[in-house]
Amino acid sequence: MVKVLQMMKVECYPVGLLQANMFVVKDEEQGLSFVVDPGAESMTAEESLDRFGGERLQYILLTHGHFDHIGNAAALKRKYPQAKIVIGKEDSAATRDDALNLAIDFAGMAVVEHIDADLTVGDGDCLPFGEKTIQVLATPGHTRGGVCYLTEEKLFTGDTIMKGTTGRMDFPGGSVRDMLQSVRRIAALEGNPALYCGHGAATTLEMERRNNIAMGSMSYDDLY
């Protein structure tokens, strides 16, 4: 009998003031899950995790340290204590500093419950995920410590790449030069992984190679 392998399932929940994308990723084959960028509370996302088995949540992955991507990490950790909070080394202080995570700029409308990450990661690190791995790519530009997470032909880009554009580079720690290098690095990846972006619709790497203005002439959308 041929075994049919079940692919990872990605669920997207736009949350919070800026409708940042929170992703719930379920590997039904392994019975494991992880979350990317829980920027604000989503009861629907938590109900989905609970149905799958909340005890199976292995990681809370943060692509960078801005409030709209980390705001509910502490609450999820409290509910699912076995899950490890992961963030890039250069952004790790933002989980306890409202100036760095930009919450202070929103005059009380954005709230980040402070917490320390369980793991800080850098370029080339690999997180074990059952029999699979999640690869870390350092992608500074939007923030100094921004990272992307790659697994099973799925790349979670945070605010490095959005469909057709990139994240802003004028926040503290942002850099046009670093963003250009990060985007070119992503463009050079093998294959055509799906790109799950920090805001807006998902896309693919091949689509971005053809259409993303940052992979040609440099410009960016001033939304995020």
N, C-alpha and C. Protein backbone atom coordinates (compact mmCIF):
# COMPACT_ATOMS: atom_id res chain seq x y z
N MET A 1 0.84 -1.19 0.00
CA MET A 1 0.00 0.00 0.00
C MET A 1 0.88 1.25 0.00
N VAL A 2 0.59 2.19 -0.88
CA VAL A 2 1.39 3.41 -0.97
C VAL A 2 0.93 4.40 0.09
N LYS A 3 1.88 4.90 0.87
CA LYS A 3 1.56 5.89 1.89
C LYS A 3 1.47 7.27 1.26
N VAL A 4 0.36 7.94 1.51
CA VAL A 4 0.17 9.30 1.00
C VAL A 4 0.67 10.29 2.05
N LEU A 5 1.71 11.05 1.69
CA LEU A 5 2.28 12.01 2.62
C LEU A 5 1.41 13.26 2.66
N GLN A 6 1.12 13.72 3.84
CA GLN A 6 0.33 14.92 4.01
C GLN A 6 1.26 16.12 4.15
N MET A 7 1.02 17.14 3.34
CA MET A 7 1.87 18.32 3.36
C MET A 7 1.54 19.19 4.57
N MET A 8 2.44 20.10 4.86
CA MET A 8 2.17 21.07 5.90
C MET A 8 1.00 21.96 5.49
N LYS A 9 0.13 22.22 6.42
CA LYS A 9 -1.02 23.10 6.20
C LYS A 9 -0.72 24.45 6.83
N VAL A 10 -0.88 25.53 6.06
CA VAL A 10 -0.62 26.88 6.54
C VAL A 10 -1.94 27.64 6.63
N GLU A 11 -2.25 28.12 7.83
CA GLU A 11 -3.44 28.94 8.05
C GLU A 11 -3.00 30.36 8.37
N CYS A 12 -3.66 31.34 7.77
CA CYS A 12 -3.29 32.75 7.94
C CYS A 12 -4.39 33.50 8.67
N TYR A 13 -3.99 34.26 9.70
CA TYR A 13 -4.94 35.05 10.49
C TYR A 13 -4.41 36.48 10.60
N PRO A 14 -4.93 37.42 9.80
CA PRO A 14 -4.53 38.82 9.97
C PRO A 14 -5.01 39.34 11.32
N VAL A 15 -4.10 39.95 12.09
CA VAL A 15 -4.44 40.35 13.45
C VAL A 15 -3.96 41.77 13.75
N GLY A 16 -4.63 42.40 14.72
CA GLY A 16 -4.13 43.64 15.29
C GLY A 16 -4.36 44.89 14.46
N LEU A 17 -3.78 45.99 14.94
CA LEU A 17 -3.96 47.30 14.34
C LEU A 17 -3.56 47.35 12.87
N LEU A 18 -2.46 46.69 12.55
CA LEU A 18 -1.91 46.75 11.20
C LEU A 18 -2.21 45.49 10.39
N GLN A 19 -3.10 44.64 10.92
CA GLN A 19 -3.48 43.41 10.22
C GLN A 19 -2.26 42.62 9.75
N ALA A 20 -1.33 42.43 10.68
CA ALA A 20 -0.17 41.59 10.40
C ALA A 20 -0.61 40.13 10.32
N ASN A 21 0.03 39.38 9.46
CA ASN A 21 -0.33 37.98 9.28
C ASN A 21 0.29 37.10 10.36
N MET A 22 -0.57 36.44 11.11
CA MET A 22 -0.16 35.38 12.02
C MET A 22 -0.42 34.05 11.31
N PHE A 23 0.58 33.19 11.30
CA PHE A 23 0.44 31.91 10.62
C PHE A 23 0.44 30.77 11.63
N VAL A 24 -0.48 29.85 11.45
CA VAL A 24 -0.49 28.59 12.18
C VAL A 24 -0.14 27.51 11.17
N VAL A 25 0.94 26.79 11.41
CA VAL A 25 1.44 25.79 10.47
C VAL A 25 1.34 24.42 11.12
N LYS A 26 0.61 23.53 10.47
CA LYS A 26 0.38 22.20 11.01
C LYS A 26 1.00 21.16 10.09
N ASP A 27 1.84 20.32 10.66
CA ASP A 27 2.39 19.18 9.94
C ASP A 27 1.61 17.95 10.38
N GLU A 28 0.61 17.59 9.61
CA GLU A 28 -0.27 16.50 10.01
C GLU A 28 0.44 15.16 9.99
N GLU A 29 1.45 15.02 9.14
CA GLU A 29 2.21 13.77 9.07
C GLU A 29 2.93 13.51 10.39
N GLN A 30 3.51 14.58 10.97
CA GLN A 30 4.28 14.43 12.20
C GLN A 30 3.46 14.71 13.46
N GLY A 31 2.30 15.34 13.28
CA GLY A 31 1.51 15.70 14.45
C GLY A 31 2.10 16.84 15.24
N LEU A 32 2.78 17.78 14.54
CA LEU A 32 3.43 18.91 15.18
C LEU A 32 2.97 20.21 14.51
N SER A 33 3.13 21.31 15.23
CA SER A 33 2.76 22.61 14.67
C SER A 33 3.71 23.68 15.16
N PHE A 34 3.69 24.82 14.46
CA PHE A 34 4.36 26.02 14.94
C PHE A 34 3.54 27.24 14.51
N VAL A 35 3.80 28.35 15.17
CA VAL A 35 3.15 29.62 14.89
C VAL A 35 4.20 30.63 14.46
N VAL A 36 3.85 31.47 13.52
CA VAL A 36 4.74 32.55 13.09
C VAL A 36 4.05 33.88 13.35
N ASP A 37 4.72 34.77 14.06
CA ASP A 37 4.32 36.16 14.26
C ASP A 37 2.92 36.36 14.85
N PRO A 38 2.72 35.94 16.10
CA PRO A 38 1.44 36.21 16.77
C PRO A 38 1.39 37.64 17.29
N GLY A 39 1.03 38.57 16.41
CA GLY A 39 1.10 39.98 16.76
C GLY A 39 0.00 40.47 17.68
N ALA A 40 -1.12 39.77 17.71
CA ALA A 40 -2.24 40.13 18.57
C ALA A 40 -3.08 38.88 18.77
N GLU A 41 -4.00 38.98 19.72
CA GLU A 41 -4.82 37.82 20.04
C GLU A 41 -5.70 37.41 18.86
N SER A 42 -5.81 36.11 18.64
CA SER A 42 -6.73 35.56 17.66
C SER A 42 -7.36 34.31 18.26
N MET A 43 -8.59 34.44 18.72
CA MET A 43 -9.26 33.29 19.29
C MET A 43 -9.47 32.19 18.24
N THR A 44 -9.68 32.61 17.00
CA THR A 44 -9.86 31.62 15.93
C THR A 44 -8.61 30.79 15.73
N ALA A 45 -7.44 31.45 15.76
CA ALA A 45 -6.18 30.73 15.61
C ALA A 45 -5.96 29.78 16.79
N GLU A 46 -6.26 30.23 18.00
CA GLU A 46 -6.07 29.37 19.17
C GLU A 46 -7.03 28.19 19.16
N GLU A 47 -8.25 28.42 18.71
CA GLU A 47 -9.20 27.31 18.60
C GLU A 47 -8.69 26.28 17.60
N SER A 48 -8.08 26.75 16.51
CA SER A 48 -7.51 25.84 15.53
C SER A 48 -6.36 25.03 16.13
N LEU A 49 -5.50 25.71 16.89
CA LEU A 49 -4.41 25.01 17.56
C LEU A 49 -4.93 23.98 18.55
N ASP A 50 -5.94 24.35 19.29
CA ASP A 50 -6.50 23.44 20.29
C ASP A 50 -7.11 22.21 19.64
N ARG A 51 -7.78 22.40 18.51
CA ARG A 51 -8.37 21.25 17.81
C ARG A 51 -7.28 20.30 17.32
N PHE A 52 -6.17 20.87 16.87
CA PHE A 52 -5.06 20.04 16.40
C PHE A 52 -4.35 19.36 17.55
N GLY A 53 -4.35 20.03 18.68
CA GLY A 53 -3.66 19.55 19.87
C GLY A 53 -2.65 20.58 20.33
N GLY A 54 -3.07 21.46 21.25
CA GLY A 54 -2.20 22.55 21.67
C GLY A 54 -0.86 22.09 22.21
N GLU A 55 -0.82 20.89 22.77
CA GLU A 55 0.43 20.36 23.31
C GLU A 55 1.42 20.02 22.20
N ARG A 56 0.96 20.03 20.96
CA ARG A 56 1.83 19.72 19.82
C ARG A 56 2.52 20.96 19.25
N LEU A 57 2.17 22.13 19.79
CA LEU A 57 2.80 23.37 19.32
C LEU A 57 4.25 23.40 19.80
N GLN A 58 5.18 23.43 18.84
CA GLN A 58 6.60 23.33 19.19
C GLN A 58 7.30 24.68 19.25
N TYR A 59 6.94 25.61 18.35
CA TYR A 59 7.63 26.89 18.29
C TYR A 59 6.65 28.04 18.12
N ILE A 60 7.04 29.20 18.66
CA ILE A 60 6.44 30.49 18.36
C ILE A 60 7.54 31.29 17.70
N LEU A 61 7.53 31.35 16.38
CA LEU A 61 8.61 31.94 15.60
C LEU A 61 8.30 33.41 15.33
N LEU A 62 9.25 34.28 15.64
CA LEU A 62 9.11 35.72 15.41
C LEU A 62 10.08 36.14 14.31
N THR A 63 9.56 36.73 13.25
CA THR A 63 10.43 37.14 12.16
C THR A 63 11.21 38.40 12.47
N HIS A 64 10.66 39.25 13.35
CA HIS A 64 11.35 40.46 13.79
C HIS A 64 10.63 41.01 15.02
N GLY A 65 11.17 42.08 15.58
CA GLY A 65 10.72 42.51 16.89
C GLY A 65 9.69 43.60 16.96
N HIS A 66 8.99 43.91 15.91
CA HIS A 66 7.97 44.97 15.96
C HIS A 66 6.69 44.48 16.63
N PHE A 67 6.02 45.40 17.31
CA PHE A 67 4.86 45.05 18.14
C PHE A 67 3.79 44.29 17.39
N ASP A 68 3.60 44.62 16.11
CA ASP A 68 2.50 44.00 15.36
C ASP A 68 2.81 42.56 14.97
N HIS A 69 4.02 42.09 15.33
CA HIS A 69 4.40 40.70 15.05
C HIS A 69 4.70 39.90 16.32
N ILE A 70 4.87 40.58 17.45
CA ILE A 70 5.23 39.87 18.68
C ILE A 70 4.22 40.06 19.81
N GLY A 71 3.19 40.88 19.59
CA GLY A 71 2.35 41.35 20.70
C GLY A 71 1.67 40.29 21.53
N ASN A 72 1.38 39.12 20.95
CA ASN A 72 0.68 38.08 21.70
C ASN A 72 1.56 36.88 22.00
N ALA A 73 2.87 37.02 21.81
CA ALA A 73 3.77 35.88 22.03
C ALA A 73 3.76 35.43 23.49
N ALA A 74 3.77 36.37 24.41
CA ALA A 74 3.81 36.02 25.83
C ALA A 74 2.55 35.27 26.25
N ALA A 75 1.39 35.72 25.76
CA ALA A 75 0.14 35.05 26.10
C ALA A 75 0.09 33.64 25.53
N LEU A 76 0.59 33.46 24.31
CA LEU A 76 0.62 32.11 23.74
C LEU A 76 1.56 31.21 24.52
N LYS A 77 2.69 31.76 24.93
CA LYS A 77 3.65 30.98 25.72
C LYS A 77 3.02 30.54 27.03
N ARG A 78 2.25 31.41 27.64
CA ARG A 78 1.59 31.07 28.89
C ARG A 78 0.57 29.93 28.68
N LYS A 79 -0.14 29.98 27.57
CA LYS A 79 -1.14 28.95 27.29
C LYS A 79 -0.51 27.65 26.83
N TYR A 80 0.59 27.75 26.06
CA TYR A 80 1.28 26.57 25.52
C TYR A 80 2.74 26.61 25.98
N PRO A 81 3.00 26.31 27.24
CA PRO A 81 4.33 26.53 27.82
C PRO A 81 5.45 25.70 27.19
N GLN A 82 5.09 24.63 26.51
CA GLN A 82 6.13 23.81 25.88
C GLN A 82 6.68 24.46 24.61
N ALA A 83 5.96 25.40 24.03
CA ALA A 83 6.38 26.04 22.79
C ALA A 83 7.52 27.02 23.06
N LYS A 84 8.55 26.97 22.26
CA LYS A 84 9.71 27.85 22.43
C LYS A 84 9.56 29.11 21.58
N ILE A 85 9.71 30.26 22.23
CA ILE A 85 9.71 31.53 21.50
C ILE A 85 11.09 31.74 20.87
N VAL A 86 11.09 32.02 19.57
CA VAL A 86 12.34 32.13 18.80
C VAL A 86 12.37 33.48 18.09
N ILE A 87 13.52 34.17 18.15
CA ILE A 87 13.69 35.45 17.46
C ILE A 87 15.15 35.62 17.08
N GLY A 88 15.40 36.43 16.07
CA GLY A 88 16.78 36.73 15.68
C GLY A 88 17.54 37.45 16.79
N LYS A 89 18.82 37.12 16.94
CA LYS A 89 19.63 37.66 18.04
C LYS A 89 19.58 39.18 18.11
N GLU A 90 19.69 39.84 16.97
CA GLU A 90 19.78 41.31 16.95
C GLU A 90 18.46 41.98 17.29
N ASP A 91 17.36 41.23 17.28
CA ASP A 91 16.05 41.81 17.63
C ASP A 91 15.55 41.33 18.99
N SER A 92 16.34 40.55 19.70
CA SER A 92 15.84 39.91 20.91
C SER A 92 15.47 40.92 22.01
N ALA A 93 16.15 42.07 22.07
CA ALA A 93 15.84 43.06 23.10
C ALA A 93 14.46 43.68 22.89
N ALA A 94 13.93 43.60 21.69
CA ALA A 94 12.64 44.24 21.39
C ALA A 94 11.48 43.59 22.13
N THR A 95 11.65 42.36 22.58
CA THR A 95 10.55 41.71 23.31
C THR A 95 10.37 42.29 24.70
N ARG A 96 11.30 43.17 25.13
CA ARG A 96 11.20 43.83 26.43
C ARG A 96 11.40 45.34 26.36
N ASP A 97 11.36 45.90 25.17
CA ASP A 97 11.63 47.33 25.01
C ASP A 97 10.61 47.93 24.04
N ASP A 98 9.69 48.75 24.56
CA ASP A 98 8.62 49.29 23.73
C ASP A 98 9.09 50.38 22.79
N ALA A 99 10.29 50.91 22.98
CA ALA A 99 10.85 51.82 21.99
C ALA A 99 11.35 51.03 20.79
N LEU A 100 12.01 49.91 21.07
CA LEU A 100 12.52 49.08 19.97
C LEU A 100 11.41 48.39 19.20
N ASN A 101 10.36 47.95 19.90
CA ASN A 101 9.29 47.23 19.19
C ASN A 101 8.23 48.18 18.63
N LEU A 102 8.42 49.49 18.84
CA LEU A 102 7.59 50.56 18.28
C LEU A 102 6.22 50.72 18.94
N ALA A 103 5.93 49.93 19.96
CA ALA A 103 4.63 50.08 20.64
C ALA A 103 4.47 51.48 21.22
N ILE A 104 5.57 52.07 21.69
CA ILE A 104 5.51 53.39 22.32
C ILE A 104 5.05 54.45 21.32
N ASP A 105 5.28 54.21 20.04
CA ASP A 105 4.90 55.19 19.02
C ASP A 105 3.40 55.20 18.75
N PHE A 106 2.69 54.21 19.28
CA PHE A 106 1.25 54.14 19.02
C PHE A 106 0.43 54.59 20.22
N ALA A 107 1.06 55.29 21.16
CA ALA A 107 0.38 56.01 22.24
C ALA A 107 -0.67 55.17 22.96
N GLY A 108 -0.26 53.95 23.33
CA GLY A 108 -1.15 53.12 24.13
C GLY A 108 -2.09 52.25 23.33
N MET A 109 -2.14 52.43 22.03
CA MET A 109 -3.02 51.58 21.22
C MET A 109 -2.43 50.21 20.97
N ALA A 110 -1.10 50.09 21.06
CA ALA A 110 -0.42 48.82 20.87
C ALA A 110 0.17 48.38 22.20
N VAL A 111 -0.09 47.14 22.56
CA VAL A 111 0.38 46.62 23.83
C VAL A 111 1.22 45.37 23.58
N VAL A 112 2.41 45.35 24.17
CA VAL A 112 3.26 44.18 24.10
C VAL A 112 3.56 43.72 25.52
N GLU A 113 3.13 42.53 25.87
CA GLU A 113 3.49 41.95 27.15
C GLU A 113 4.93 41.45 27.05
N HIS A 114 5.80 41.96 27.91
CA HIS A 114 7.22 41.67 27.80
C HIS A 114 7.53 40.22 28.18
N ILE A 115 8.48 39.66 27.46
CA ILE A 115 8.91 38.29 27.72
C ILE A 115 10.27 38.10 27.07
N ASP A 116 11.08 37.20 27.62
CA ASP A 116 12.34 36.84 26.98
C ASP A 116 12.12 35.67 26.04
N ALA A 117 12.81 35.68 24.91
CA ALA A 117 12.75 34.55 24.00
C ALA A 117 13.44 33.34 24.63
N ASP A 118 12.98 32.16 24.27
CA ASP A 118 13.66 30.93 24.70
C ASP A 118 14.90 30.67 23.88
N LEU A 119 14.85 31.03 22.59
CA LEU A 119 15.97 30.81 21.68
C LEU A 119 16.20 32.06 20.85
N THR A 120 17.45 32.48 20.72
CA THR A 120 17.80 33.51 19.76
C THR A 120 18.62 32.85 18.66
N VAL A 121 18.34 33.22 17.42
CA VAL A 121 18.94 32.50 16.30
C VAL A 121 19.65 33.45 15.36
N GLY A 122 20.53 32.87 14.55
CA GLY A 122 21.26 33.63 13.56
C GLY A 122 21.26 32.90 12.23
N ASP A 123 21.92 33.49 11.26
CA ASP A 123 21.92 32.95 9.91
C ASP A 123 22.47 31.53 9.87
N GLY A 124 21.74 30.65 9.20
CA GLY A 124 22.19 29.27 9.03
C GLY A 124 21.78 28.33 10.14
N ASP A 125 21.21 28.86 11.21
CA ASP A 125 20.73 27.96 12.27
C ASP A 125 19.58 27.12 11.74
N CYS A 126 19.46 25.92 12.29
CA CYS A 126 18.37 25.02 11.92
C CYS A 126 17.66 24.57 13.19
N LEU A 127 16.35 24.70 13.19
CA LEU A 127 15.54 24.29 14.31
C LEU A 127 14.97 22.91 14.03
N PRO A 128 15.19 21.94 14.91
CA PRO A 128 14.59 20.62 14.69
C PRO A 128 13.08 20.69 14.81
N PHE A 129 12.43 20.05 13.86
CA PHE A 129 10.96 20.02 13.85
C PHE A 129 10.55 18.58 13.53
N GLY A 130 10.51 17.77 14.57
CA GLY A 130 10.32 16.34 14.37
C GLY A 130 11.47 15.79 13.54
N GLU A 131 11.15 15.13 12.46
CA GLU A 131 12.19 14.60 11.56
C GLU A 131 12.60 15.63 10.51
N LYS A 132 12.01 16.80 10.56
CA LYS A 132 12.31 17.86 9.59
C LYS A 132 13.08 18.98 10.29
N THR A 133 13.40 20.01 9.53
CA THR A 133 14.08 21.17 10.11
C THR A 133 13.45 22.45 9.58
N ILE A 134 13.64 23.51 10.34
CA ILE A 134 13.27 24.86 9.93
C ILE A 134 14.56 25.66 9.85
N GLN A 135 14.90 26.13 8.67
CA GLN A 135 16.15 26.85 8.45
C GLN A 135 15.96 28.34 8.67
N VAL A 136 16.92 28.96 9.33
CA VAL A 136 16.88 30.39 9.60
C VAL A 136 17.74 31.14 8.59
N LEU A 137 17.18 32.16 7.96
CA LEU A 137 17.93 33.04 7.06
C LEU A 137 17.92 34.44 7.67
N ALA A 138 19.09 34.98 7.93
CA ALA A 138 19.17 36.37 8.40
C ALA A 138 18.84 37.30 7.24
N THR A 139 17.84 38.17 7.46
CA THR A 139 17.42 39.09 6.40
C THR A 139 17.20 40.49 6.98
N PRO A 140 18.28 41.14 7.41
CA PRO A 140 18.14 42.51 7.92
C PRO A 140 17.70 43.46 6.82
N GLY A 141 17.21 44.60 7.23
CA GLY A 141 16.76 45.61 6.28
C GLY A 141 15.55 46.35 6.83
N HIS A 142 14.52 45.60 7.20
CA HIS A 142 13.36 46.18 7.89
C HIS A 142 13.74 46.46 9.34
N THR A 143 14.39 45.49 9.97
CA THR A 143 15.02 45.65 11.28
C THR A 143 16.42 45.04 11.20
N ARG A 144 17.22 45.32 12.19
CA ARG A 144 18.59 44.80 12.18
C ARG A 144 18.61 43.27 12.34
N GLY A 145 17.66 42.74 13.10
CA GLY A 145 17.68 41.31 13.40
C GLY A 145 16.59 40.51 12.73
N GLY A 146 16.05 41.02 11.62
CA GLY A 146 14.99 40.29 10.93
C GLY A 146 15.49 38.97 10.38
N VAL A 147 14.64 37.96 10.45
CA VAL A 147 14.96 36.64 9.90
C VAL A 147 13.76 36.11 9.13
N CYS A 148 14.03 35.20 8.21
CA CYS A 148 13.01 34.42 7.54
C CYS A 148 13.18 32.97 7.95
N TYR A 149 12.10 32.22 7.88
CA TYR A 149 12.11 30.80 8.25
C TYR A 149 11.69 29.98 7.04
N LEU A 150 12.52 28.99 6.69
CA LEU A 150 12.31 28.17 5.50
C LEU A 150 12.14 26.71 5.88
N THR A 151 11.05 26.12 5.42
CA THR A 151 10.84 24.69 5.62
C THR A 151 9.87 24.17 4.58
N GLU A 152 10.16 23.00 4.05
CA GLU A 152 9.24 22.32 3.14
C GLU A 152 8.74 23.23 2.01
N GLU A 153 9.68 23.95 1.36
CA GLU A 153 9.31 24.84 0.26
C GLU A 153 8.33 25.93 0.67
N LYS A 154 8.44 26.35 1.93
CA LYS A 154 7.63 27.44 2.45
C LYS A 154 8.56 28.42 3.16
N LEU A 155 8.52 29.69 2.76
CA LEU A 155 9.37 30.71 3.34
C LEU A 155 8.49 31.76 4.00
N PHE A 156 8.69 31.95 5.31
CA PHE A 156 7.94 32.95 6.06
C PHE A 156 8.82 34.19 6.15
N THR A 157 8.41 35.24 5.44
CA THR A 157 9.30 36.37 5.17
C THR A 157 9.14 37.55 6.12
N GLY A 158 8.13 37.54 6.99
CA GLY A 158 7.92 38.70 7.83
C GLY A 158 7.74 39.94 6.98
N ASP A 159 8.39 41.05 7.35
CA ASP A 159 8.29 42.28 6.59
C ASP A 159 9.50 42.51 5.69
N THR A 160 10.23 41.44 5.38
CA THR A 160 11.31 41.57 4.41
C THR A 160 10.72 41.69 3.02
N ILE A 161 9.86 40.75 2.65
CA ILE A 161 9.20 40.80 1.35
C ILE A 161 7.70 40.72 1.54
N MET A 162 6.98 41.63 0.90
CA MET A 162 5.56 41.52 0.70
C MET A 162 5.33 41.38 -0.80
N LYS A 163 4.14 40.98 -1.19
CA LYS A 163 3.86 40.76 -2.60
C LYS A 163 4.14 42.02 -3.40
N GLY A 164 5.15 41.95 -4.26
CA GLY A 164 5.49 43.05 -5.15
C GLY A 164 6.38 44.12 -4.55
N THR A 165 6.75 43.99 -3.28
CA THR A 165 7.48 45.08 -2.64
C THR A 165 8.26 44.55 -1.43
N THR A 166 8.69 45.46 -0.56
CA THR A 166 9.38 45.10 0.68
C THR A 166 8.76 45.89 1.83
N GLY A 167 9.22 45.57 3.03
CA GLY A 167 8.85 46.37 4.18
C GLY A 167 9.61 47.69 4.22
N ARG A 168 9.15 48.57 5.09
CA ARG A 168 9.80 49.87 5.25
C ARG A 168 11.22 49.72 5.78
N MET A 169 12.03 50.71 5.47
CA MET A 169 13.43 50.69 5.89
C MET A 169 13.80 51.93 6.69
N ASP A 170 12.80 52.73 7.09
CA ASP A 170 13.08 53.98 7.78
C ASP A 170 12.84 53.90 9.28
N PHE A 171 12.52 52.73 9.80
CA PHE A 171 12.43 52.56 11.24
C PHE A 171 13.82 52.37 11.83
N PRO A 172 13.98 52.55 13.16
CA PRO A 172 15.28 52.29 13.78
C PRO A 172 15.77 50.88 13.46
N GLY A 173 17.02 50.79 13.02
CA GLY A 173 17.59 49.50 12.64
C GLY A 173 17.35 49.13 11.20
N GLY A 174 16.54 49.91 10.49
CA GLY A 174 16.30 49.64 9.08
C GLY A 174 17.45 50.12 8.22
N SER A 175 17.59 49.52 7.04
CA SER A 175 18.71 49.86 6.16
C SER A 175 18.36 49.49 4.72
N VAL A 176 18.43 50.45 3.83
CA VAL A 176 18.19 50.17 2.41
C VAL A 176 19.24 49.20 1.89
N ARG A 177 20.49 49.43 2.26
CA ARG A 177 21.57 48.56 1.78
C ARG A 177 21.35 47.12 2.25
N ASP A 178 21.02 46.96 3.53
CA ASP A 178 20.79 45.61 4.05
C ASP A 178 19.58 44.96 3.38
N MET A 179 18.53 45.75 3.15
CA MET A 179 17.34 45.19 2.52
C MET A 179 17.65 44.70 1.11
N LEU A 180 18.39 45.48 0.35
CA LEU A 180 18.77 45.06 -1.00
C LEU A 180 19.52 43.73 -0.97
N GLN A 181 20.46 43.61 -0.03
CA GLN A 181 21.23 42.37 0.08
C GLN A 181 20.34 41.20 0.48
N SER A 182 19.39 41.45 1.40
CA SER A 182 18.50 40.39 1.84
C SER A 182 17.58 39.93 0.72
N VAL A 183 17.03 40.89 -0.03
CA VAL A 183 16.13 40.54 -1.12
C VAL A 183 16.88 39.77 -2.20
N ARG A 184 18.09 40.19 -2.51
CA ARG A 184 18.88 39.47 -3.51
C ARG A 184 19.20 38.06 -3.04
N ARG A 185 19.43 37.92 -1.75
CA ARG A 185 19.71 36.58 -1.22
C ARG A 185 18.48 35.68 -1.38
N ILE A 186 17.33 36.22 -1.07
CA ILE A 186 16.10 35.43 -1.23
C ILE A 186 15.87 35.10 -2.70
N ALA A 187 16.11 36.07 -3.58
CA ALA A 187 15.92 35.84 -5.01
C ALA A 187 16.80 34.70 -5.53
N ALA A 188 17.94 34.49 -4.89
CA ALA A 188 18.89 33.47 -5.33
C ALA A 188 18.62 32.08 -4.76
N LEU A 189 17.61 31.96 -3.92
CA LEU A 189 17.29 30.63 -3.38
C LEU A 189 16.89 29.69 -4.51
N GLU A 190 17.15 28.42 -4.29
CA GLU A 190 16.78 27.42 -5.29
C GLU A 190 15.27 27.18 -5.28
N GLY A 191 14.76 26.80 -6.43
CA GLY A 191 13.37 26.40 -6.51
C GLY A 191 12.40 27.57 -6.51
N ASN A 192 11.17 27.26 -6.16
CA ASN A 192 10.10 28.24 -6.18
C ASN A 192 9.24 28.10 -4.93
N PRO A 193 9.83 28.38 -3.75
CA PRO A 193 9.04 28.23 -2.53
C PRO A 193 7.88 29.22 -2.48
N ALA A 194 6.83 28.83 -1.77
CA ALA A 194 5.76 29.76 -1.46
C ALA A 194 6.27 30.76 -0.45
N LEU A 195 5.90 32.01 -0.61
CA LEU A 195 6.31 33.07 0.32
C LEU A 195 5.09 33.52 1.11
N TYR A 196 5.18 33.38 2.43
CA TYR A 196 4.12 33.80 3.33
C TYR A 196 4.59 35.08 4.01
N CYS A 197 3.95 36.19 3.65
CA CYS A 197 4.46 37.52 3.97
C CYS A 197 3.83 38.07 5.25
N GLY A 198 4.49 39.06 5.83
CA GLY A 198 4.04 39.63 7.08
C GLY A 198 2.75 40.42 6.99
N HIS A 199 2.44 40.92 5.81
CA HIS A 199 1.19 41.64 5.55
C HIS A 199 0.73 41.28 4.14
N GLY A 200 -0.56 41.22 3.95
CA GLY A 200 -1.08 41.01 2.61
C GLY A 200 -1.05 39.56 2.17
N ALA A 201 -1.18 39.38 0.87
CA ALA A 201 -1.35 38.05 0.29
C ALA A 201 -0.03 37.29 0.21
N ALA A 202 -0.17 35.96 0.19
CA ALA A 202 0.98 35.10 -0.08
C ALA A 202 1.34 35.19 -1.56
N THR A 203 2.56 34.77 -1.87
CA THR A 203 3.03 34.80 -3.25
C THR A 203 4.02 33.65 -3.43
N THR A 204 4.74 33.65 -4.51
CA THR A 204 5.79 32.65 -4.73
C THR A 204 7.07 33.37 -5.11
N LEU A 205 8.18 32.68 -4.95
CA LEU A 205 9.46 33.30 -5.27
C LEU A 205 9.56 33.62 -6.75
N GLU A 206 9.08 32.73 -7.61
CA GLU A 206 9.15 33.01 -9.03
C GLU A 206 8.32 34.23 -9.40
N MET A 207 7.16 34.37 -8.78
CA MET A 207 6.33 35.55 -9.02
C MET A 207 7.07 36.82 -8.60
N GLU A 208 7.77 36.76 -7.48
CA GLU A 208 8.50 37.94 -7.02
C GLU A 208 9.73 38.21 -7.88
N ARG A 209 10.38 37.17 -8.35
CA ARG A 209 11.51 37.39 -9.26
C ARG A 209 11.06 38.17 -10.49
N ARG A 210 9.84 37.92 -10.94
CA ARG A 210 9.33 38.60 -12.14
C ARG A 210 8.75 39.97 -11.85
N ASN A 211 8.19 40.15 -10.66
CA ASN A 211 7.36 41.34 -10.43
C ASN A 211 7.75 42.24 -9.28
N ASN A 212 8.59 41.78 -8.36
CA ASN A 212 8.90 42.58 -7.19
C ASN A 212 9.86 43.70 -7.57
N ILE A 213 9.44 44.94 -7.33
CA ILE A 213 10.26 46.08 -7.73
C ILE A 213 11.60 46.11 -7.01
N ALA A 214 11.68 45.50 -5.83
CA ALA A 214 12.93 45.48 -5.09
C ALA A 214 13.93 44.49 -5.68
N MET A 215 13.48 43.61 -6.54
CA MET A 215 14.40 42.70 -7.22
C MET A 215 14.84 43.26 -8.56
N GLY A 216 14.37 44.49 -8.83
CA GLY A 216 14.82 45.20 -10.02
C GLY A 216 15.32 46.56 -9.61
N SER A 217 14.54 47.59 -9.89
CA SER A 217 14.88 48.92 -9.42
C SER A 217 14.33 49.14 -8.03
N MET A 218 15.08 49.85 -7.19
CA MET A 218 14.73 49.93 -5.77
C MET A 218 13.66 50.98 -5.51
N SER A 219 12.57 50.54 -4.94
CA SER A 219 11.50 51.40 -4.47
C SER A 219 10.70 50.57 -3.48
N TYR A 220 9.81 51.20 -2.71
CA TYR A 220 9.02 50.40 -1.79
C TYR A 220 7.71 51.07 -1.45
N ASP A 221 6.77 50.24 -1.08
CA ASP A 221 5.44 50.69 -0.72
C ASP A 221 5.46 51.15 0.73
N ASP A 222 4.98 52.36 0.98
CA ASP A 222 5.07 52.96 2.31
C ASP A 222 3.85 52.63 3.18
N LEU A 223 3.46 51.36 3.17
CA LEU A 223 2.31 50.95 3.98
C LEU A 223 2.71 50.47 5.34
N TYR A 224 3.80 49.73 5.45
CA TYR A 224 4.11 49.01 6.67
C TYR A 224 5.35 49.57 7.33
